Amino acid sequence: MAGFFNFFLAHFGDSAEPELVHWIKERLDQILGPSPWALVGIIGFFIFAIPISIMTVYLMESSRRAAAERSTKIKRDTDINDK
């Protein structure tokens, strides 16, 4: 088991290429300006937007499913009463 961890650590010492991280940081600073709050705001927006959109789609689908079940039940009840 220790051999696996040594193999893993030997190949993944750094979390990212330092030159690439520096290049990405420079490009983000050019786009967003030197303010780190712009990046925090954008990331925060996505952190909140993804779960909210998932909950919205879930609620829309559950209400649609409930309406379909109600209409099926009403149709079934009217068919039983007609017989």
Foldseek 3Di string as FASTA:
>chain_A
DVVVVVVVCVVPVDVDDVVVVVVVVVVCCVVVNPDCVVVVVVVVCVVVVVVVVVVVVVVVVVVVVVVVVVVVVVVVVVVVVVD
